[in-house]
Amino acid sequence: MKKMLSIATLLAVSMSTVQAVDFIKNQYYIGGGVAVENGWSYYGSGLALLINGGKPIVKLGPGTIGAEVEVSYTAVAATYDYEGYDSDLKVLSLGLFATYKYDINKDLYIRPRIGPMFTSYSYSGYSAYHYGYSRGHVAAGIGIGYNITESMNLFSDFTISTADYRRISVGLQFKFN
């Protein structure tokens, strides 16, 4: 009975809080960029292309809570070369992030994010082998952005995950209603 009462109280408080916030309707963004990937033992850095898109959901304090999806694929593979043995590593990743865009002023913002990331790793080398594996993990990051115009901004993100995956990305995002 105590659990039911606690859950009902928590639900009532949550609903009253949700009614007090300002939901954002009909705003979206989509963007793209490049990223330097690193973090795998023995491998150098690779270069990836990425596409992201999201939606601001609710205005909260000086910032906005939102949701973002990001897909990236290695364009220039990370390489490993040791005593004649060389291998290439390519990564396909899908991240689903909760974000908080904190406005520093009307043009500059910071944006922490956290969420699950799913990656598919593909290794290949000169010895005619090719294998890969997939895994899910938690990723978090911090980004900074600058509004170039009302509908376009420049962004940069640093993302790290529990799978020893690190990425620094830069690109453009376009906002629309």
C-alpha atoms as a PDB file:
ATOM      1  CA  MET A   1       0.000   0.000   0.000  1.00  0.00           C
ATOM      2  CA  LYS A   2       2.880   2.365   0.805  1.00  0.00           C
ATOM      3  CA  LYS A   3       4.396   1.721  -2.634  1.00  0.00           C
ATOM      4  CA  MET A   4       1.108   2.526  -4.359  1.00  0.00           C
ATOM      5  CA  LEU A   5       0.727   5.745  -2.342  1.00  0.00           C
ATOM      6  CA  SER A   6       4.338   6.737  -3.110  1.00  0.00           C
ATOM      7  CA  ILE A   7       3.875   6.089  -6.825  1.00  0.00           C
ATOM      8  CA  ALA A   8       0.608   8.063  -6.883  1.00  0.00           C
ATOM      9  CA  THR A   9       2.261  10.989  -5.054  1.00  0.00           C
ATOM     10  CA  LEU A  10       5.256  10.959  -7.405  1.00  0.00           C
ATOM     11  CA  LEU A  11       2.949  10.845 -10.428  1.00  0.00           C
ATOM     12  CA  ALA A  12       0.847  13.759  -9.115  1.00  0.00           C
ATOM     13  CA  VAL A  13       3.933  15.897  -8.443  1.00  0.00           C
ATOM     14  CA  SER A  14       5.364  15.031 -11.871  1.00  0.00           C
ATOM     15  CA  MET A  15       2.144  15.928 -13.672  1.00  0.00           C
ATOM     16  CA  SER A  16       1.836  19.269 -11.871  1.00  0.00           C
ATOM     17  CA  THR A  17       5.452  20.074 -12.768  1.00  0.00           C
ATOM     18  CA  VAL A  18       4.891  19.123 -16.414  1.00  0.00           C
ATOM     19  CA  GLN A  19       1.894  21.455 -16.613  1.00  0.00           C
ATOM     20  CA  ALA A  20       4.063  24.349 -15.376  1.00  0.00           C
ATOM     21  CA  VAL A  21       6.726  24.039 -18.090  1.00  0.00           C
ATOM     22  CA  ASP A  22       6.628  25.496 -21.585  1.00  0.00           C
ATOM     23  CA  PHE A  23       6.452  22.784 -24.260  1.00  0.00           C
ATOM     24  CA  ILE A  24       8.003  23.663 -27.618  1.00  0.00           C
ATOM     25  CA  LYS A  25       5.939  22.765 -30.675  1.00  0.00           C
ATOM     26  CA  ASN A  26       6.895  22.387 -34.322  1.00  0.00           C
ATOM     27  CA  GLN A  27      10.647  23.011 -34.048  1.00  0.00           C
ATOM     28  CA  TYR A  28      13.213  20.565 -35.419  1.00  0.00           C
ATOM     29  CA  TYR A  29      16.813  20.569 -36.569  1.00  0.00           C
ATOM     30  CA  ILE A  30      18.916  18.427 -38.854  1.00  0.00           C
ATOM     31  CA  GLY A  31      22.613  18.662 -39.489  1.00  0.00           C
ATOM     32  CA  GLY A  32      25.777  17.006 -40.588  1.00  0.00           C
ATOM     33  CA  GLY A  33      29.478  17.146 -40.080  1.00  0.00           C
ATOM     34  CA  VAL A  34      32.740  15.310 -39.653  1.00  0.00           C
ATOM     35  CA  ALA A  35      34.244  13.641 -36.604  1.00  0.00           C
ATOM     36  CA  VAL A  36      37.641  12.408 -35.519  1.00  0.00           C
ATOM     37  CA  GLU A  37      37.186   9.002 -33.835  1.00  0.00           C
ATOM     38  CA  ASN A  38      39.628   7.431 -31.418  1.00  0.00           C
ATOM     39  CA  GLY A  39      39.837   5.250 -28.360  1.00  0.00           C
ATOM     40  CA  TRP A  40      40.641   1.757 -29.521  1.00  0.00           C
ATOM     41  CA  SER A  41      43.841   0.307 -28.185  1.00  0.00           C
ATOM     42  CA  TYR A  42      46.570   0.091 -30.817  1.00  0.00           C
ATOM     43  CA  TYR A  43      44.513   1.850 -33.491  1.00  0.00           C
ATOM     44  CA  GLY A  44      45.094   5.395 -34.675  1.00  0.00           C
ATOM     45  CA  SER A  45      42.351   7.904 -35.309  1.00  0.00           C
ATOM     46  CA  GLY A  46      39.717   7.602 -37.996  1.00  0.00           C
ATOM     47  CA  LEU A  47      37.522  10.167 -39.697  1.00  0.00           C
ATOM     48  CA  ALA A  48      33.741   9.754 -39.764  1.00  0.00           C
ATOM     49  CA  LEU A  49      30.831  11.490 -41.453  1.00  0.00           C
ATOM     50  CA  LEU A  50      27.795  12.097 -39.298  1.00  0.00           C
ATOM     51  CA  ILE A  51      24.170  13.143 -39.588  1.00  0.00           C
ATOM     52  CA  ASN A  52      22.136  14.293 -36.625  1.00  0.00           C
ATOM     53  CA  GLY A  53      18.667  15.571 -36.005  1.00  0.00           C
ATOM     54  CA  GLY A  54      16.560  16.427 -33.045  1.00  0.00           C
ATOM     55  CA  LYS A  55      13.804  18.334 -31.410  1.00  0.00           C
ATOM     56  CA  PRO A  56      13.721  20.752 -28.504  1.00  0.00           C
ATOM     57  CA  ILE A  57      10.940  19.479 -26.250  1.00  0.00           C
ATOM     58  CA  VAL A  58      10.504  21.735 -23.260  1.00  0.00           C
ATOM     59  CA  LYS A  59      11.883  25.092 -22.111  1.00  0.00           C
ATOM     60  CA  LEU A  60      13.309  24.715 -18.618  1.00  0.00           C
ATOM     61  CA  GLY A  61      15.125  27.578 -16.919  1.00  0.00           C
ATOM     62  CA  PRO A  62      17.702  29.257 -19.162  1.00  0.00           C
ATOM     63  CA  GLY A  63      17.820  26.256 -21.483  1.00  0.00           C
ATOM     64  CA  THR A  64      15.888  23.617 -23.339  1.00  0.00           C
ATOM     65  CA  ILE A  65      15.541  19.866 -22.828  1.00  0.00           C
ATOM     66  CA  GLY A  66      15.524  17.973 -26.107  1.00  0.00           C
ATOM     67  CA  ALA A  67      16.090  14.674 -27.882  1.00  0.00           C
ATOM     68  CA  GLU A  68      18.627  13.928 -30.601  1.00  0.00           C
ATOM     69  CA  VAL A  69      19.492  11.066 -32.943  1.00  0.00           C
ATOM     70  CA  GLU A  70      22.964  10.808 -34.445  1.00  0.00           C
ATOM     71  CA  VAL A  71      24.313   8.372 -37.034  1.00  0.00           C
ATOM     72  CA  SER A  72      27.958   8.219 -38.067  1.00  0.00           C
ATOM     73  CA  TYR A  73      30.050   6.027 -40.335  1.00  0.00           C
ATOM     74  CA  THR A  74      33.802   5.873 -40.714  1.00  0.00           C
ATOM     75  CA  ALA A  75      34.949   7.472 -43.968  1.00  0.00           C
ATOM     76  CA  VAL A  76      38.694   7.081 -43.310  1.00  0.00           C
ATOM     77  CA  ALA A  77      39.415   3.960 -41.265  1.00  0.00           C
ATOM     78  CA  ALA A  78      41.476   3.927 -38.110  1.00  0.00           C
ATOM     79  CA  THR A  79      44.578   1.831 -38.808  1.00  0.00           C
ATOM     80  CA  TYR A  80      46.869  -0.449 -36.851  1.00  0.00           C
ATOM     81  CA  ASP A  81      50.306  -1.312 -38.164  1.00  0.00           C
ATOM     82  CA  TYR A  82      52.726  -3.363 -36.109  1.00  0.00           C
ATOM     83  CA  GLU A  83      55.615  -5.394 -37.555  1.00  0.00           C
ATOM     84  CA  GLY A  84      54.005  -5.872 -40.950  1.00  0.00           C
ATOM     85  CA  TYR A  85      50.554  -6.664 -39.592  1.00  0.00           C
ATOM     86  CA  ASP A  86      48.087  -4.003 -40.597  1.00  0.00           C
ATOM     87  CA  SER A  87      44.378  -3.732 -39.999  1.00  0.00           C
ATOM     88  CA  ASP A  88      41.627  -1.205 -40.629  1.00  0.00           C
ATOM     89  CA  LEU A  89      38.746  -0.439 -38.289  1.00  0.00           C
ATOM     90  CA  LYS A  90      35.437   1.042 -39.434  1.00  0.00           C
ATOM     91  CA  VAL A  91      32.590   1.963 -37.105  1.00  0.00           C
ATOM     92  CA  LEU A  92      28.893   2.516 -37.743  1.00  0.00           C
ATOM     93  CA  SER A  93      27.189   4.147 -34.757  1.00  0.00           C
ATOM     94  CA  LEU A  94      23.688   5.195 -33.769  1.00  0.00           C
ATOM     95  CA  GLY A  95      23.225   7.402 -30.722  1.00  0.00           C
ATOM     96  CA  LEU A  96      19.949   8.380 -29.052  1.00  0.00           C
ATOM     97  CA  PHE A  97      20.568  11.296 -26.723  1.00  0.00           C
ATOM     98  CA  ALA A  98      18.723  13.393 -24.187  1.00  0.00           C
ATOM     99  CA  THR A  99      20.110  16.938 -24.413  1.00  0.00           C
ATOM    100  CA  TYR A 100      19.996  20.164 -22.439  1.00  0.00           C
ATOM    101  CA  LYS A 101      20.814  23.238 -24.508  1.00  0.00           C
ATOM    102  CA  TYR A 102      21.928  25.964 -22.095  1.00  0.00           C
ATOM    103  CA  ASP A 103      21.882  29.406 -23.669  1.00  0.00           C
ATOM    104  CA  ILE A 104      24.877  31.509 -22.600  1.00  0.00           C
ATOM    105  CA  ASN A 105      23.624  34.450 -24.681  1.00  0.00           C
ATOM    106  CA  LYS A 106      21.415  34.785 -27.768  1.00  0.00           C
ATOM    107  CA  ASP A 107      24.065  33.306 -30.074  1.00  0.00           C
ATOM    108  CA  LEU A 108      26.238  31.000 -27.941  1.00  0.00           C
ATOM    109  CA  TYR A 109      25.170  27.842 -26.103  1.00  0.00           C
ATOM    110  CA  ILE A 110      26.551  24.722 -24.457  1.00  0.00           C
ATOM    111  CA  ARG A 111      24.814  21.372 -24.751  1.00  0.00           C
ATOM    112  CA  PRO A 112      25.494  18.341 -22.554  1.00  0.00           C
ATOM    113  CA  ARG A 113      23.969  15.058 -23.737  1.00  0.00           C
ATOM    114  CA  ILE A 114      23.658  11.465 -22.571  1.00  0.00           C
ATOM    115  CA  GLY A 115      22.061   8.308 -23.921  1.00  0.00           C
ATOM    116  CA  PRO A 116      22.507   4.858 -25.388  1.00  0.00           C
ATOM    117  CA  MET A 117      24.810   4.335 -28.360  1.00  0.00           C
ATOM    118  CA  PHE A 118      24.864   1.277 -30.570  1.00  0.00           C
ATOM    119  CA  THR A 119      28.009   0.563 -32.566  1.00  0.00           C
ATOM    120  CA  SER A 120      28.996  -1.957 -35.183  1.00  0.00           C
ATOM    121  CA  TYR A 121      32.734  -2.517 -35.536  1.00  0.00           C
ATOM    122  CA  SER A 122      34.288  -3.956 -38.687  1.00  0.00           C
ATOM    123  CA  TYR A 123      37.937  -5.034 -38.821  1.00  0.00           C
ATOM    124  CA  SER A 124      39.803  -5.981 -41.985  1.00  0.00           C
ATOM    125  CA  GLY A 125      43.395  -6.485 -43.003  1.00  0.00           C
ATOM    126  CA  TYR A 126      45.733  -7.606 -45.767  1.00  0.00           C
ATOM    127  CA  SER A 127      45.520 -11.253 -44.708  1.00  0.00           C
ATOM    128  CA  ALA A 128      42.053 -11.549 -46.307  1.00  0.00           C
ATOM    129  CA  TYR A 129      40.117 -11.728 -43.078  1.00  0.00           C
ATOM    130  CA  HIS A 130      37.167  -9.591 -42.216  1.00  0.00           C
ATOM    131  CA  TYR A 131      35.096  -9.710 -39.064  1.00  0.00           C
ATOM    132  CA  GLY A 132      33.114  -7.467 -36.833  1.00  0.00           C
ATOM    133  CA  TYR A 133      30.789  -7.245 -33.889  1.00  0.00           C
ATOM    134  CA  SER A 134      28.098  -4.969 -32.512  1.00  0.00           C
ATOM    135  CA  ARG A 135      27.439  -3.688 -29.030  1.00  0.00           C
ATOM    136  CA  GLY A 136      25.410  -1.200 -27.092  1.00  0.00           C
ATOM    137  CA  HIS A 137      26.823   1.140 -24.489  1.00  0.00           C
ATOM    138  CA  VAL A 138      26.174   4.451 -22.756  1.00  0.00           C
ATOM    139  CA  ALA A 139      27.608   7.620 -24.265  1.00  0.00           C
ATOM    140  CA  ALA A 140      27.832  11.127 -22.865  1.00  0.00           C
ATOM    141  CA  GLY A 141      29.195  14.346 -24.212  1.00  0.00           C
ATOM    142  CA  ILE A 142      29.408  18.081 -24.089  1.00  0.00           C
ATOM    143  CA  GLY A 143      29.003  20.408 -27.008  1.00  0.00           C
ATOM    144  CA  ILE A 144      29.142  24.053 -27.860  1.00  0.00           C
ATOM    145  CA  GLY A 145      27.293  25.873 -30.590  1.00  0.00           C
ATOM    146  CA  TYR A 146      27.050  29.253 -32.225  1.00  0.00           C
ATOM    147  CA  ASN A 147      23.930  30.531 -33.992  1.00  0.00           C
ATOM    148  CA  ILE A 148      25.176  31.884 -37.331  1.00  0.00           C
ATOM    149  CA  THR A 149      21.664  32.890 -38.406  1.00  0.00           C
ATOM    150  CA  GLU A 150      18.210  32.324 -36.966  1.00  0.00           C
ATOM    151  CA  SER A 151      17.930  29.015 -38.826  1.00  0.00           C
ATOM    152  CA  MET A 152      21.561  27.785 -38.941  1.00  0.00           C
ATOM    153  CA  ASN A 153      24.176  27.087 -36.299  1.00  0.00           C
ATOM    154  CA  LEU A 154      27.727  25.773 -36.090  1.00  0.00           C
ATOM    155  CA  PHE A 155      28.282  23.013 -33.516  1.00  0.00           C
ATOM    156  CA  SER A 156      31.097  21.008 -32.001  1.00  0.00           C
ATOM    157  CA  ASP A 157      30.681  17.985 -29.698  1.00  0.00           C
ATOM    158  CA  PHE A 158      32.991  15.821 -27.634  1.00  0.00           C
ATOM    159  CA  THR A 159      31.489  12.368 -26.969  1.00  0.00           C
ATOM    160  CA  ILE A 160      32.867   9.502 -24.878  1.00  0.00           C
ATOM    161  CA  SER A 161      31.313   6.116 -24.181  1.00  0.00           C
ATOM    162  CA  THR A 162      31.640   3.165 -21.846  1.00  0.00           C
ATOM    163  CA  ALA A 163      33.101   1.190 -24.777  1.00  0.00           C
ATOM    164  CA  ASP A 164      36.277   3.324 -24.811  1.00  0.00           C
ATOM    165  CA  TYR A 165      35.001   5.241 -27.836  1.00  0.00           C
ATOM    166  CA  ARG A 166      35.847   8.946 -28.168  1.00  0.00           C
ATOM    167  CA  ARG A 167      34.838  11.379 -30.856  1.00  0.00           C
ATOM    168  CA  ILE A 168      35.240  15.094 -31.527  1.00  0.00           C
ATOM    169  CA  SER A 169      32.838  16.378 -34.152  1.00  0.00           C
ATOM    170  CA  VAL A 170      32.114  19.648 -35.896  1.00  0.00           C
ATOM    171  CA  GLY A 171      29.358  20.558 -38.325  1.00  0.00           C
ATOM    172  CA  LEU A 172      26.308  22.624 -39.238  1.00  0.00           C
ATOM    173  CA  GLN A 173      22.710  22.252 -38.119  1.00  0.00           C
ATOM    174  CA  PHE A 174      19.654  23.747 -39.776  1.00  0.00           C
ATOM    175  CA  LYS A 175      16.532  24.615 -37.771  1.00  0.00           C
ATOM    176  CA  PHE A 176      13.025  24.609 -39.212  1.00  0.00           C
ATOM    177  CA  ASN A 177       9.391  24.626 -38.111  1.00  0.00           C
END
